[in-house]
Protein backbone atom coordinates (compact mmCIF):
# COMPACT_ATOMS: atom_id res chain seq x y z
CA MET A 1 -146.08 17.47 -104.69
CA THR A 2 -149.47 16.53 -103.19
CA SER A 3 -152.55 15.90 -105.29
CA SER A 4 -155.86 16.35 -103.43
CA SER A 5 -159.49 17.27 -104.06
CA SER A 6 -162.40 18.37 -101.90
CA PRO A 7 -166.00 17.14 -102.07
CA SER A 8 -167.18 20.74 -101.99
CA GLN A 9 -165.50 21.37 -105.34
CA ASP A 10 -167.43 18.60 -107.12
CA ALA A 11 -170.32 20.75 -108.22
CA GLN A 12 -171.87 17.89 -110.16
CA SER A 13 -171.67 15.36 -107.29
CA PRO A 14 -174.60 12.88 -107.40
CA ALA A 15 -174.89 13.10 -103.60
CA GLN A 16 -176.57 16.50 -103.94
CA ASN A 17 -179.60 14.87 -105.70
CA TYR A 18 -180.33 12.45 -102.83
CA PRO A 19 -182.56 13.10 -99.79
CA GLU A 20 -180.74 13.62 -96.49
CA GLY A 21 -181.35 10.09 -95.28
CA LEU A 22 -179.76 8.51 -98.33
CA ARG A 23 -176.76 10.92 -98.51
CA ALA A 24 -174.35 8.57 -96.65
CA ASP A 25 -175.13 5.70 -98.98
CA ALA A 26 -174.66 7.95 -101.97
CA LEU A 27 -171.25 9.08 -100.72
CA MET A 28 -170.18 5.44 -100.29
CA GLU A 29 -171.32 4.60 -103.80
CA GLU A 30 -169.82 7.72 -105.39
CA ASP A 31 -166.42 6.18 -106.08
CA VAL A 32 -167.86 3.15 -107.89
CA ALA A 33 -170.75 4.81 -109.65
CA TRP A 34 -170.02 6.15 -113.11
CA SER A 35 -172.22 7.74 -115.71
CA GLN A 36 -171.54 9.16 -119.15
CA GLU A 37 -173.46 12.32 -118.33
CA ILE A 38 -171.42 13.20 -115.20
CA ASP A 39 -168.01 11.56 -115.67
CA GLY A 40 -167.65 11.49 -119.42
CA ASP A 41 -166.22 15.01 -119.64
CA ARG A 42 -163.55 14.53 -116.92
CA ASP A 43 -159.96 14.31 -118.13
CA GLY A 44 -157.38 11.77 -116.90
CA ASP A 45 -157.71 8.58 -114.88
CA GLN A 46 -160.15 8.63 -111.97
CA LEU A 47 -158.57 7.55 -108.64
CA ASP A 48 -159.96 6.02 -105.49
CA ARG A 49 -160.45 8.28 -102.47
CA SER A 50 -157.38 6.84 -100.65
CA GLU A 51 -155.21 7.33 -103.74
CA ARG A 52 -156.35 10.93 -104.12
CA ALA A 53 -155.31 11.71 -100.50
CA ALA A 54 -151.89 10.05 -100.75
CA LEU A 55 -148.57 11.72 -101.66
CA ARG A 56 -147.74 11.40 -105.29
CA ARG A 57 -144.34 11.75 -106.88
CA VAL A 58 -144.15 14.07 -109.88
CA ALA A 59 -141.44 13.11 -112.33
CA GLY A 60 -138.96 15.65 -113.61
CA LEU A 61 -138.75 17.95 -110.53
CA SER A 62 -135.53 16.62 -108.98
CA THR A 63 -132.45 18.81 -109.36
CA GLU A 64 -130.04 16.04 -108.31
CA LEU A 65 -127.16 15.83 -110.79
CA GLU A 66 -127.06 12.64 -112.82
CA ASP A 67 -124.24 13.57 -115.20
CA VAL A 68 -120.87 13.91 -113.44
CA THR A 69 -119.74 16.44 -116.06
CA GLU A 70 -122.27 18.91 -114.66
CA VAL A 71 -120.57 19.01 -111.26
CA GLU A 72 -118.16 21.78 -112.25
CA TYR A 73 -121.09 24.01 -113.23
CA ARG A 74 -123.21 23.42 -110.14
CA GLN A 75 -122.49 23.81 -106.43
CA LEU A 76 -122.06 20.46 -104.70
CA ARG A 77 -124.67 19.58 -102.11
CA LEU A 78 -123.45 20.27 -98.58
CA GLU A 79 -123.84 17.72 -95.83
CA ARG A 80 -126.81 18.73 -93.66
CA VAL A 81 -126.08 18.35 -89.96
CA VAL A 82 -127.74 18.69 -86.56
CA LEU A 83 -125.54 19.48 -83.55
CA VAL A 84 -126.07 18.01 -80.09
CA GLY A 85 -124.17 18.72 -76.88
CA VAL A 86 -124.26 17.67 -73.24
CA TRP A 87 -123.97 20.49 -70.70
CA THR A 88 -122.32 19.09 -67.57
CA THR A 89 -120.52 22.06 -65.97
CA GLY A 90 -120.35 25.81 -66.31
CA THR A 91 -123.03 28.30 -67.26
CA VAL A 92 -125.58 28.32 -70.05
CA ARG A 93 -123.37 30.78 -71.91
CA ASP A 94 -120.46 28.34 -71.78
CA ALA A 95 -122.63 25.59 -73.27
CA ASP A 96 -123.90 27.91 -76.01
CA ASN A 97 -120.35 29.07 -76.85
CA SER A 98 -119.17 25.47 -77.09
CA LEU A 99 -121.99 24.58 -79.49
CA ALA A 100 -121.34 27.77 -81.50
CA GLU A 101 -117.71 26.72 -81.89
CA LEU A 102 -118.87 23.26 -83.00
CA ALA A 103 -121.05 24.96 -85.61
CA ALA A 104 -118.02 26.92 -86.86
CA LEU A 105 -116.02 23.69 -87.06
CA ALA A 106 -118.82 22.00 -89.02
CA GLU A 107 -119.00 24.94 -91.41
CA THR A 108 -115.23 24.83 -91.90
CA ALA A 109 -115.51 21.13 -92.74
CA GLY A 110 -118.08 21.96 -95.45
CA ALA A 111 -121.38 21.15 -93.72
CA LEU A 112 -124.66 23.03 -93.53
CA VAL A 113 -125.83 23.38 -89.92
CA LEU A 114 -129.61 23.08 -89.59
CA ASP A 115 -130.18 22.95 -85.84
CA GLY A 116 -128.44 22.52 -82.51
CA VAL A 117 -129.62 21.22 -79.15
CA VAL A 118 -128.04 20.98 -75.70
CA GLN A 119 -129.05 18.69 -72.84
CA ARG A 120 -128.35 19.31 -69.15
CA ARG A 121 -126.90 16.19 -67.52
CA ASP A 122 -124.48 15.38 -64.72
CA LYS A 123 -122.48 13.25 -67.16
CA PRO A 124 -123.04 11.86 -70.68
CA ASP A 125 -125.14 8.72 -70.92
CA ALA A 126 -122.96 5.62 -71.19
CA ALA A 127 -125.13 4.08 -73.92
CA THR A 128 -126.41 6.86 -76.22
CA TYR A 129 -124.54 9.98 -74.94
CA ILE A 130 -127.83 11.87 -74.33
CA GLY A 131 -130.11 9.11 -73.02
CA SER A 132 -132.65 6.96 -74.84
CA GLY A 133 -135.57 9.38 -74.47
CA LYS A 134 -133.63 12.37 -75.76
CA ALA A 135 -132.20 10.22 -78.54
CA ASN A 136 -135.76 9.58 -79.77
CA GLU A 137 -136.45 13.34 -79.62
CA LEU A 138 -133.26 13.90 -81.60
CA ARG A 139 -134.54 11.41 -84.17
CA ASP A 140 -137.69 13.55 -84.56
CA ILE A 141 -135.55 16.67 -85.11
CA VAL A 142 -133.48 14.83 -87.73
CA ILE A 143 -136.65 13.82 -89.60
CA GLU A 144 -138.14 17.31 -89.32
CA THR A 145 -135.04 19.11 -90.63
CA GLY A 146 -134.07 16.49 -93.22
CA ALA A 147 -130.55 16.16 -91.80
CA ASP A 148 -128.25 13.34 -92.86
CA THR A 149 -125.62 13.65 -90.09
CA VAL A 150 -125.56 14.25 -86.32
CA ILE A 151 -122.44 15.80 -84.75
CA CYS A 152 -121.90 15.39 -81.00
CA ASP A 153 -119.94 18.00 -79.02
CA GLY A 154 -117.62 15.50 -77.34
CA GLU A 155 -115.67 12.32 -78.01
CA LEU A 156 -117.98 9.31 -78.17
CA SER A 157 -116.97 5.81 -77.24
CA PRO A 158 -117.45 3.13 -79.92
CA GLY A 159 -120.51 1.83 -78.05
CA GLN A 160 -122.13 5.28 -77.81
CA LEU A 161 -121.53 5.80 -81.52
CA ILE A 162 -123.23 2.54 -82.50
CA HIS A 163 -126.20 2.89 -80.14
CA LEU A 164 -126.94 6.50 -81.08
CA GLU A 165 -126.80 5.66 -84.80
CA ASP A 166 -129.24 2.81 -84.21
CA VAL A 167 -131.75 5.29 -82.76
CA VAL A 168 -131.42 8.32 -85.06
CA LYS A 169 -130.92 6.21 -88.23
CA VAL A 170 -128.38 8.62 -89.76
CA LYS A 171 -124.61 8.96 -89.61
CA VAL A 172 -123.25 10.10 -86.23
CA ILE A 173 -119.79 11.59 -85.72
CA ASP A 174 -118.17 13.29 -82.74
CA ARG A 175 -116.09 16.42 -82.25
CA THR A 176 -112.82 14.50 -82.60
CA ALA A 177 -113.75 13.03 -85.99
CA LEU A 178 -114.83 16.48 -87.17
CA ILE A 179 -111.52 18.11 -86.22
CA LEU A 180 -109.59 15.26 -87.83
CA ASP A 181 -111.58 15.78 -91.03
CA ILE A 182 -110.71 19.50 -91.05
CA PHE A 183 -107.04 18.72 -90.50
CA ALA A 184 -107.12 16.21 -93.37
CA GLN A 185 -108.57 18.88 -95.69
CA HIS A 186 -106.07 21.60 -94.75
CA ALA A 187 -102.79 19.68 -94.39
CA LYS A 188 -100.53 20.57 -97.32
CA SER A 189 -96.98 19.49 -96.47
CA ARG A 190 -95.78 15.89 -96.47
CA GLU A 191 -95.17 15.99 -92.73
CA GLY A 192 -98.59 17.50 -92.03
CA LYS A 193 -100.39 14.88 -94.11
CA ALA A 194 -98.49 12.07 -92.38
CA GLN A 195 -99.30 13.46 -88.92
CA VAL A 196 -103.01 13.76 -89.75
CA ALA A 197 -103.10 10.26 -91.25
CA LEU A 198 -101.53 8.81 -88.09
CA ALA A 199 -104.06 10.60 -85.87
CA GLN A 200 -106.95 9.36 -88.03
CA MET A 201 -105.77 5.75 -87.84
CA GLN A 202 -105.35 6.01 -84.05
CA TYR A 203 -108.93 7.25 -83.81
CA MET A 204 -110.34 4.71 -86.26
CA LEU A 205 -108.66 1.58 -84.86
CA PRO A 206 -110.99 0.96 -81.87
CA ARG A 207 -114.04 2.02 -83.89
CA LEU A 208 -113.83 -0.50 -86.70
CA ARG A 209 -117.08 -2.40 -87.14
CA GLY A 210 -117.81 -5.66 -88.86
CA TRP A 211 -120.83 -6.84 -90.81
CA GLY A 212 -121.39 -10.04 -92.75
CA GLN A 213 -118.15 -11.28 -94.28
CA SER A 214 -116.11 -8.96 -92.05
CA LEU A 215 -116.83 -11.39 -89.19
CA SER A 216 -116.04 -14.56 -91.14
CA ARG A 217 -112.89 -16.43 -90.15
CA GLN A 218 -110.01 -17.63 -92.22
CA MET A 219 -108.92 -21.26 -92.03
CA GLY A 220 -106.78 -22.05 -89.01
CA GLY A 221 -103.04 -21.98 -89.50
CA GLY A 222 -101.90 -25.43 -88.42
CA SER A 223 -98.27 -26.42 -88.96
CA GLY A 224 -99.21 -29.15 -91.41
CA GLY A 225 -100.88 -26.83 -93.94
CA GLY A 226 -103.47 -28.16 -96.35
CA LEU A 227 -106.41 -29.39 -94.28
CA ALA A 228 -105.02 -28.15 -90.97
CA THR A 229 -107.77 -26.46 -88.96
CA ARG A 230 -106.27 -26.00 -85.52
CA GLY A 231 -107.19 -22.61 -84.08
CA PRO A 232 -110.05 -20.42 -85.22
CA GLY A 233 -107.96 -18.17 -87.48
CA GLU A 234 -108.33 -14.41 -87.98
CA THR A 235 -111.60 -12.75 -88.81
CA LYS A 236 -111.65 -10.14 -91.57
CA ILE A 237 -111.98 -7.32 -89.05
CA GLU A 238 -108.98 -8.64 -87.11
CA THR A 239 -106.99 -8.63 -90.33
CA ASP A 240 -108.00 -5.01 -90.95
CA ARG A 241 -106.89 -4.02 -87.46
CA ARG A 242 -103.53 -5.73 -87.93
CA ARG A 243 -102.97 -3.91 -91.22
CA ILE A 244 -103.86 -0.58 -89.63
CA ARG A 245 -101.34 -1.20 -86.85
CA GLU A 246 -98.69 -1.99 -89.45
CA LYS A 247 -99.48 1.22 -91.34
CA MET A 248 -99.33 3.19 -88.09
CA ALA A 249 -95.90 1.78 -87.29
CA LYS A 250 -94.70 2.71 -90.78
CA MET A 251 -96.17 6.21 -90.42
CA ARG A 252 -94.44 6.73 -87.08
CA ARG A 253 -91.10 5.81 -88.65
CA GLU A 254 -91.67 8.31 -91.47
CA ILE A 255 -92.60 11.07 -89.03
CA ALA A 256 -89.51 10.28 -86.96
CA ASP A 257 -87.35 10.64 -90.08
CA MET A 258 -88.97 13.99 -90.89
CA LYS A 259 -88.49 15.07 -87.28
CA THR A 260 -84.75 14.49 -87.70
CA GLY A 261 -84.64 17.12 -90.45
CA ARG A 262 -86.55 19.57 -88.26
CA ASP A 263 -84.17 18.92 -85.35
CA ILE A 264 -81.13 19.57 -87.55
CA LYS A 265 -82.52 22.95 -88.61
CA ARG A 266 -83.28 23.78 -84.98
CA GLN A 267 -79.76 22.81 -83.89
CA GLU A 268 -78.32 24.98 -86.65
CA ARG A 269 -80.23 27.97 -85.31
CA ARG A 270 -79.00 27.18 -81.81
CA ARG A 271 -75.41 26.89 -83.03
CA HIS A 272 -75.62 30.36 -84.48
CA LYS A 273 -77.23 31.61 -81.26
CA VAL A 274 -80.32 32.88 -83.10
CA PRO A 275 -83.20 33.40 -80.65
CA SER A 276 -86.55 31.83 -81.51
CA VAL A 277 -90.02 33.27 -80.94
CA ALA A 278 -93.04 30.92 -81.26
CA ILE A 279 -96.49 32.24 -82.11
CA ALA A 280 -99.06 30.06 -80.37
CA GLY A 281 -102.75 30.55 -79.79
CA TYR A 282 -106.32 29.52 -80.39
CA THR A 283 -107.36 28.73 -83.94
CA ASN A 284 -108.55 31.77 -85.91
CA ALA A 285 -107.06 34.16 -83.33
CA GLY A 286 -104.93 35.81 -86.04
CA LYS A 287 -101.54 34.08 -85.70
CA SER A 288 -100.83 34.01 -89.44
CA SER A 289 -101.98 37.62 -89.80
CA LEU A 290 -99.58 38.63 -87.02
CA LEU A 291 -96.72 36.71 -88.68
CA ASN A 292 -97.42 38.49 -91.97
CA ARG A 293 -97.52 41.86 -90.22
CA LEU A 294 -94.22 41.27 -88.40
CA THR A 295 -92.24 39.65 -91.24
CA GLY A 296 -94.21 40.00 -94.49
CA ALA A 297 -94.25 36.21 -94.79
CA GLY A 298 -97.30 36.06 -97.08
CA VAL A 299 -98.88 33.11 -95.23
CA LEU A 300 -102.49 32.24 -96.09
CA VAL A 301 -104.94 34.28 -94.02
CA GLU A 302 -108.57 33.20 -93.91
CA ASN A 303 -111.47 33.69 -91.50
CA ALA A 304 -111.79 29.96 -90.85
CA LEU A 305 -110.76 27.52 -88.16
CA PHE A 306 -107.44 25.72 -88.80
CA ALA A 307 -106.91 27.58 -92.10
CA THR A 308 -103.16 26.90 -91.81
CA LEU A 309 -101.69 23.77 -90.22
CA ASP A 310 -98.12 23.57 -91.48
CA PRO A 311 -95.66 25.52 -89.28
CA THR A 312 -93.89 28.44 -90.92
CA VAL A 313 -90.46 29.76 -89.84
CA ARG A 314 -89.46 33.28 -90.88
CA ARG A 315 -86.44 35.45 -90.10
CA ALA A 316 -87.08 38.76 -88.35
CA GLU A 317 -85.14 41.62 -86.82
CA THR A 318 -85.72 43.65 -83.67
CA PRO A 319 -85.67 47.48 -83.73
CA SER A 320 -82.15 47.34 -82.26
CA GLY A 321 -80.94 45.10 -85.10
CA ARG A 322 -80.96 41.70 -83.36
CA LEU A 323 -81.91 38.74 -85.55
CA TYR A 324 -84.43 36.14 -84.41
CA THR A 325 -86.82 33.62 -85.95
CA LEU A 326 -90.63 33.66 -85.79
CA VAL A 327 -92.42 30.30 -85.86
CA ASP A 328 -96.14 30.14 -86.67
CA THR A 329 -97.47 26.95 -85.04
CA VAL A 330 -100.68 24.99 -85.50
CA GLY A 331 -103.77 26.49 -83.89
CA PHE A 332 -105.25 25.01 -80.74
CA VAL A 333 -108.87 24.46 -79.75
CA ARG A 334 -110.66 23.39 -76.58
CA HIS A 335 -110.75 19.61 -76.14
CA LEU A 336 -108.07 19.20 -78.82
CA PRO A 337 -108.01 15.44 -79.56
CA HIS A 338 -105.12 13.74 -77.81
CA HIS A 339 -104.44 11.82 -81.04
CA LEU A 340 -103.56 15.14 -82.70
CA VAL A 341 -101.42 16.31 -79.78
CA GLU A 342 -99.44 13.08 -80.03
CA ALA A 343 -99.19 13.11 -83.84
CA PHE A 344 -98.21 16.81 -84.00
CA ARG A 345 -95.80 16.56 -81.09
CA SER A 346 -92.74 17.08 -83.32
CA THR A 347 -94.33 20.25 -84.70
CA MET A 348 -95.39 21.51 -81.28
CA GLU A 349 -91.86 21.01 -79.99
CA GLU A 350 -91.10 24.31 -81.73
CA VAL A 351 -93.02 25.96 -78.88
CA GLY A 352 -91.07 24.13 -76.18
CA ASP A 353 -87.68 24.91 -77.75
CA SER A 354 -88.38 28.62 -78.30
CA ASP A 355 -86.97 31.46 -76.19
CA LEU A 356 -90.25 33.37 -76.10
CA ILE A 357 -93.94 32.55 -76.76
CA LEU A 358 -96.31 35.08 -78.28
CA HIS A 359 -99.64 33.78 -77.00
CA VAL A 360 -102.20 35.25 -79.41
CA VAL A 361 -105.80 35.52 -78.20
CA ASP A 362 -108.84 36.89 -80.06
CA GLY A 363 -109.96 39.98 -78.11
CA SER A 364 -113.30 40.05 -79.96
CA HIS A 365 -114.21 36.48 -78.95
CA PRO A 366 -117.13 36.07 -76.50
CA ASP A 367 -114.94 34.14 -74.05
CA PRO A 368 -111.22 34.95 -74.51
CA GLU A 369 -110.33 33.60 -71.06
CA GLU A 370 -111.51 30.15 -72.15
CA GLN A 371 -109.21 30.40 -75.19
CA LEU A 372 -106.25 31.27 -72.96
CA ALA A 373 -106.94 28.29 -70.70
CA ALA A 374 -107.31 25.85 -73.63
CA VAL A 375 -104.00 26.93 -75.21
CA ARG A 376 -102.10 26.79 -71.93
CA GLU A 377 -103.36 23.26 -71.36
CA VAL A 378 -101.80 22.11 -74.64
CA VAL A 379 -98.60 24.09 -73.94
CA ARG A 380 -98.39 22.25 -70.63
CA ASP A 381 -98.83 18.91 -72.42
CA VAL A 382 -95.82 19.57 -74.68
CA GLY A 383 -93.64 20.67 -71.74
CA ALA A 384 -93.25 24.37 -72.55
CA THR A 385 -94.38 25.85 -69.24
CA LYS A 386 -90.96 27.36 -68.42
CA VAL A 387 -90.75 29.42 -71.63
CA PRO A 388 -91.49 33.16 -71.07
CA GLU A 389 -94.87 34.23 -72.48
CA ILE A 390 -96.33 37.46 -73.82
CA VAL A 391 -100.10 37.52 -74.23
CA VAL A 392 -100.92 39.33 -77.50
CA ILE A 393 -104.57 40.42 -77.52
CA ASN A 394 -105.30 40.58 -81.25
CA LYS A 395 -108.23 42.21 -83.10
CA ALA A 396 -108.18 45.18 -80.74
CA ASP A 397 -109.94 47.26 -83.40
CA ALA A 398 -113.01 44.98 -83.18
CA ALA A 399 -112.92 44.12 -79.47
CA ASP A 400 -114.98 45.63 -76.68
CA PRO A 401 -112.81 48.22 -74.82
CA LEU A 402 -114.05 46.86 -71.48
CA VAL A 403 -112.91 43.34 -72.46
CA LEU A 404 -109.49 44.68 -73.47
CA GLN A 405 -109.12 46.47 -70.15
CA ARG A 406 -110.10 43.34 -68.27
CA LEU A 407 -107.59 41.16 -70.13
CA LEU A 408 -104.78 43.71 -69.77
CA ARG A 409 -105.48 43.88 -66.05
CA ILE A 410 -105.60 40.09 -65.57
CA GLU A 411 -102.58 39.27 -67.77
CA LYS A 412 -99.60 41.19 -66.43
CA ARG A 413 -97.37 40.56 -69.47
CA SER A 414 -99.83 41.47 -72.23
CA ILE A 415 -100.33 43.95 -75.05
CA ALA A 416 -103.29 44.82 -77.29
CA VAL A 417 -102.64 44.90 -81.05
CA SER A 418 -104.45 44.69 -84.36
CA ALA A 419 -102.69 42.70 -87.06
CA ARG A 420 -105.15 44.09 -89.62
CA THR A 421 -104.61 47.82 -88.95
CA GLY A 422 -101.10 47.71 -87.46
CA GLN A 423 -102.20 49.11 -84.08
CA GLY A 424 -99.70 48.26 -81.34
CA ILE A 425 -97.23 46.46 -83.65
CA ALA A 426 -94.37 48.88 -82.94
CA GLU A 427 -94.87 48.47 -79.19
CA LEU A 428 -94.95 44.67 -79.63
CA LEU A 429 -91.63 44.69 -81.50
CA ALA A 430 -90.04 46.76 -78.73
CA LEU A 431 -91.43 44.34 -76.14
CA ILE A 432 -89.99 41.36 -78.05
CA ASP A 433 -86.61 43.12 -78.14
CA ASN A 434 -86.67 43.58 -74.37
CA GLU A 435 -87.86 40.05 -73.58
CA LEU A 436 -85.49 38.07 -75.82
CA PRO A 437 -82.50 36.64 -73.93
CA ARG A 438 -79.44 38.80 -74.25
CA PRO A 439 -75.82 37.59 -74.58
CA SER A 440 -74.14 37.17 -71.23
CA VAL A 441 -70.73 38.79 -71.93
CA GLU A 442 -70.14 42.44 -72.79
CA ILE A 443 -66.77 43.19 -74.40
CA GLU A 444 -64.95 45.77 -76.50
CA ALA A 445 -62.70 44.40 -79.26
CA LEU A 446 -60.55 45.84 -82.04
CA VAL A 447 -60.94 43.35 -84.89
CA PRO A 448 -58.44 43.58 -87.78
CA TYR A 449 -59.91 44.05 -91.24
CA THR A 450 -58.46 40.66 -92.17
CA GLN A 451 -60.91 39.03 -89.71
CA GLY A 452 -64.10 40.17 -91.39
CA GLN A 453 -65.86 36.87 -90.58
CA LEU A 454 -65.66 37.70 -86.87
CA VAL A 455 -67.37 41.03 -87.47
CA ALA A 456 -70.09 39.24 -89.42
CA ARG A 457 -70.56 36.74 -86.58
CA ALA A 458 -70.74 39.60 -84.10
CA HIS A 459 -73.71 41.02 -86.02
CA THR A 460 -75.51 37.70 -86.46
CA GLU A 461 -74.80 36.01 -83.11
CA GLY A 462 -74.26 38.96 -80.76
CA GLU A 463 -75.73 42.35 -80.01
CA VAL A 464 -73.61 45.18 -81.36
CA ILE A 465 -73.83 48.27 -79.13
CA SER A 466 -71.46 50.46 -81.15
CA GLU A 467 -69.19 50.06 -84.18
CA GLU A 468 -66.31 52.31 -85.28
CA HIS A 469 -63.87 51.90 -88.17
CA THR A 470 -60.29 52.89 -87.25
CA ALA A 471 -56.94 52.64 -88.99
CA GLU A 472 -56.10 49.37 -87.18
CA GLY A 473 -59.48 47.68 -87.66
CA THR A 474 -63.12 47.66 -86.56
CA LEU A 475 -63.71 48.73 -82.98
CA LEU A 476 -66.75 46.88 -81.63
CA LYS A 477 -68.56 47.23 -78.35
CA LEU A 478 -70.98 44.33 -78.08
CA ARG A 479 -72.66 41.65 -76.03
CA VAL A 480 -71.83 38.11 -77.08
CA HIS A 481 -72.14 34.54 -75.90
CA GLU A 482 -69.21 32.76 -74.30
CA GLU A 483 -68.28 30.84 -77.47
CA LEU A 484 -67.94 33.98 -79.59
CA ALA A 485 -66.27 35.80 -76.70
CA ALA A 486 -63.53 33.15 -76.70
CA ASP A 487 -62.94 33.66 -80.46
CA LEU A 488 -62.74 37.44 -79.97
CA ALA A 489 -60.48 37.18 -76.91
CA PRO A 490 -57.19 37.91 -78.86
CA TYR A 491 -58.61 41.25 -80.01
CA VAL A 492 -60.28 42.41 -76.79
CA ALA A 493 -59.24 46.00 -76.02
CA GLU A 494 -60.66 45.96 -72.51
CA PRO A 495 -61.41 43.16 -70.06
CA ALA A 496 -64.94 41.83 -69.84
CA LEU A 497 -67.21 44.28 -68.09
CA ARG A 498 -69.47 41.57 -66.68
């Protein structure tokens, strides 16, 4: 709060009693002159002119919580951030969409976005990402808005991070650190937490900084011990890096052990010839909503980026009665940090090992083609380019009809659905039934009633075309794989048709 006064308000000012020529002297003497008649009735301490014009703190106005027990009754203060991006290629709309997505990521992480700026450059500045002059302008914006964090729309090198922080005088993070923070908040399973921790340590290792004692060295490790001083010894920061590498090695071993369990489950599904369908797509495109609509899985659905990270596998059935599994994978995003791709590789292998990919895209997004390209880039990184793909344009009820027509025309194997209303779900199920690989051998077998396990396998592993119960046994006409065909060979009524 500011305390100020104006000379015009001092109705009793002694300067009014002086002639014009002596008015300046009177004004100079006003602060030191005091009389009982004029100043005796004023309340409070009288301040010098400079003190009256200065800012003055008023005690008791702060709402900052001092008692930790009050936290549960009051909303915690959000981190106040300013966004900054470098526009190198594409159109202005592309740059604005990228910064809008960064704002959504910051909001998901629990920050309050105050402002966002974009700079046009051929390439980011090697020292401060946006150049020294623009960094000073960014500092002015930070001061004006009262922000305490700057988020850059790109991955900064350790040098860029340090130099930009030196200029803006507040914490600076990049897009990669922001996404890692979101993943750390949303990971629930043991495997998911381990994968996120590994990615965070990979990101943090080259960005460790040392101050003061962190740069001090231990005593050299000579063979004689005691007073041996040969060699400079490790600094504290070098010790920290070594410990991080050891933790990373341990984390990789744990993830490898958890991957073994996932591989065993996958091999079991292969052994039973159960087809697998992977749901992949951009974050917040509606993958979990689609999984719930198709299988009733009850997975968390939230209008937020990376709301669900842990993959979910559910059993489903086609309209013709064929069993298959649906796998909801982690969401993708443009410029997905390579640390995450590497750490989540065992999870993303579900996409590469599937028989069909449902590529979900948000039809109501301003730039759905960019989403398709970003997801396909990650799919290419995990080696799943040969898996058949169906583009599922979700949120058709909220999308622009012209955008839907454009996407359906560009993507030859595509369908428009709405997981919220159920629009197009029946057509999608029929399309999945047609696209899933079918057994290669079609036979007709009369299975005795004593061989009920073969009939059960025919329903789970094959595709039953017709079934009839006769006096001798169950007459089946079905398509099966070669392994089951060999087990049914003693009961085949007719030779293989193809």
